[in-house]
Each structure stands twice: as C-alpha cells, then as structure tokens.
Amino acid sequence: RWNLKQGAWRKSFAAGNLVDVVFTDTTPFMRRYRHKAWGNMSGGVLRQDVYKQFVEIQDLMRSSSATWKLVVGHHPIRSYGEHCQLGGDEDCLDMQFLKPVLQKFKAN
C-alpha cells in the first residue's frame, strides 16, 4: 500500500551532500480522482492544495545542493508499462507539468 504523507518533503542520503530525494504525493494531481466520493474526505485529493505542493517541490529542488537529486512519487511522468498507453491511462498526461521543473533543477 502506498502510504505517503501529504505535500512534499526532502530526505538526504549519504555523507557529503551526495543524494537528496524529494518525495511527493502525486495523487492530488490526478484529474480522474477528483470526482471520486473519497476525494472530499479528510486528507482527500479535493482537500489538498496542489498549487502549494507544486511550489513546495520547486522550493525543495531549488534549495538542494546535492550532487544527485531525485523526485519520487506514485504516478509516472513517463512509463513503458501499462501506464501512458494511447487511449488508456492518463497518468503521464496529468504528471507532465513536473517535467520542466525536473529539467530546470537538474533532477537525475
């Protein structure tokens, strides 16, 4: 089960500022979840501020001086698996907004 706190946060690994991993809850960015009954429950996708989370991701990436910067979420930006097939799942389309941020801050 995917168990991730809301928003975005960073964890550093390895000595010498080698690796920073930004973890983010990607579920609120998924359009198909916005009409689900559970979306408006406490902590649900409709109760989360996606703009604030997007800014948090950028701030965490901007302030990182690690050699390696990784961003981890549940939904893919790009996938060769069952996600992102034409006419199928929209995961990749919903997550494309992150691609320029990852490029700008040189995520690995």
Protein backbone atom coordinates (compact mmCIF):
# COMPACT_ATOMS: atom_id res chain seq x y z
CA ARG A 1 0.00 0.00 0.00
CA TRP A 2 1.22 3.47 -0.91
CA ASN A 3 1.45 5.33 2.38
CA LEU A 4 2.78 8.82 1.86
CA LYS A 5 2.16 11.95 3.84
CA GLN A 6 0.61 14.90 2.03
CA GLY A 7 2.63 17.55 0.26
CA ALA A 8 6.32 17.24 -0.49
CA TRP A 9 9.44 16.83 1.62
CA ARG A 10 13.11 16.04 1.17
CA LYS A 11 15.40 13.45 2.72
CA SER A 12 19.17 13.48 2.32
CA PHE A 13 21.16 10.28 1.97
CA ALA A 14 24.89 9.57 2.05
CA ALA A 15 27.60 11.71 3.58
CA GLY A 16 28.84 14.85 1.91
CA ASN A 17 25.53 16.07 0.49
CA LEU A 18 25.55 13.36 -2.15
CA VAL A 19 21.87 12.47 -2.63
CA ASP A 20 18.63 14.36 -1.96
CA VAL A 21 15.31 12.66 -2.58
CA VAL A 22 12.16 14.78 -2.82
CA PHE A 23 9.10 12.71 -2.01
CA THR A 24 5.73 13.97 -3.19
CA ASP A 25 2.14 12.77 -3.02
CA THR A 26 1.15 12.68 -6.70
CA THR A 27 -2.46 11.56 -6.13
CA PRO A 28 -3.88 15.12 -5.84
CA PHE A 29 -2.58 15.88 -9.35
CA MET A 30 -4.66 13.10 -10.89
CA ARG A 31 -7.75 14.51 -12.61
CA ARG A 32 -9.58 11.19 -12.63
CA TYR A 33 -9.61 11.10 -8.80
CA ARG A 34 -11.31 14.48 -8.39
CA HIS A 35 -14.82 13.09 -8.91
CA LYS A 36 -14.43 10.16 -6.52
CA ALA A 37 -16.52 10.24 -3.33
CA TRP A 38 -13.40 9.67 -1.20
CA GLY A 39 -11.75 12.71 -2.78
CA ASN A 40 -13.51 15.07 -0.39
CA MET A 41 -12.81 13.07 2.76
CA SER A 42 -10.32 14.37 5.32
CA GLY A 43 -6.95 14.35 3.55
CA GLY A 44 -8.60 13.54 0.22
CA VAL A 45 -7.43 14.94 -3.10
CA LEU A 46 -10.00 17.74 -3.11
CA ARG A 47 -8.82 18.98 0.27
CA GLN A 48 -5.17 19.27 -0.72
CA ASP A 49 -3.67 22.42 -2.20
CA VAL A 50 -1.96 21.22 -5.38
CA TYR A 51 -0.53 24.65 -6.16
CA LYS A 52 1.10 24.82 -2.73
CA GLN A 53 2.50 21.34 -3.22
CA PHE A 54 3.87 22.28 -6.66
CA VAL A 55 5.63 25.29 -5.09
CA GLU A 56 7.00 23.06 -2.29
CA ILE A 57 8.52 20.69 -4.86
CA GLN A 58 10.21 23.60 -6.63
CA ASP A 59 11.47 25.12 -3.37
CA LEU A 60 12.92 21.79 -2.23
CA MET A 61 14.65 21.26 -5.56
CA ARG A 62 15.93 24.84 -5.70
CA SER A 63 17.42 24.69 -2.20
CA SER A 64 19.17 21.35 -2.77
CA SER A 65 22.89 21.41 -3.42
CA ALA A 66 23.21 17.63 -3.61
CA THR A 67 25.12 16.00 -6.43
CA TRP A 68 22.17 13.71 -7.15
CA LYS A 69 18.59 14.98 -6.95
CA LEU A 70 15.73 12.52 -7.26
CA VAL A 71 11.97 13.03 -7.16
CA VAL A 72 9.78 10.14 -6.05
CA GLY A 73 6.01 9.86 -6.46
CA HIS A 74 3.46 7.16 -7.17
CA HIS A 75 2.28 8.21 -10.65
CA PRO A 76 4.71 8.17 -13.58
CA ILE A 77 5.74 11.04 -15.79
CA ARG A 78 6.90 8.52 -18.35
CA SER A 79 6.34 4.78 -18.48
CA TYR A 80 6.70 1.94 -20.92
CA GLY A 81 4.40 -0.22 -18.84
CA GLU A 82 0.62 -0.26 -18.76
CA HIS A 83 0.56 3.43 -17.89
CA CYS A 84 0.67 6.08 -20.59
CA GLN A 85 -0.67 3.97 -23.42
CA LEU A 86 -2.58 5.94 -26.05
CA GLY A 87 -6.28 5.85 -25.29
CA GLY A 88 -5.61 4.38 -21.85
CA ASP A 89 -4.48 5.66 -18.52
CA GLU A 90 -3.94 9.42 -18.22
CA ASP A 91 -1.26 9.21 -15.51
CA CYS A 92 1.50 10.53 -17.72
CA LEU A 93 -0.60 13.39 -19.08
CA ASP A 94 -1.54 14.51 -15.57
CA MET A 95 2.08 14.47 -14.43
CA GLN A 96 3.68 16.22 -17.41
CA PHE A 97 3.62 19.59 -15.60
CA LEU A 98 6.51 18.32 -13.44
CA LYS A 99 8.84 17.60 -16.34
CA PRO A 100 10.05 21.23 -16.80
CA VAL A 101 10.69 21.52 -13.04
CA LEU A 102 12.78 18.35 -13.06
CA GLN A 103 14.76 19.64 -16.02
CA LYS A 104 15.21 23.13 -14.58
CA PHE A 105 16.63 21.86 -11.30
CA LYS A 106 18.57 19.03 -12.95
CA ALA A 107 16.86 16.08 -11.29
CA ASN A 108 18.60 12.78 -12.04
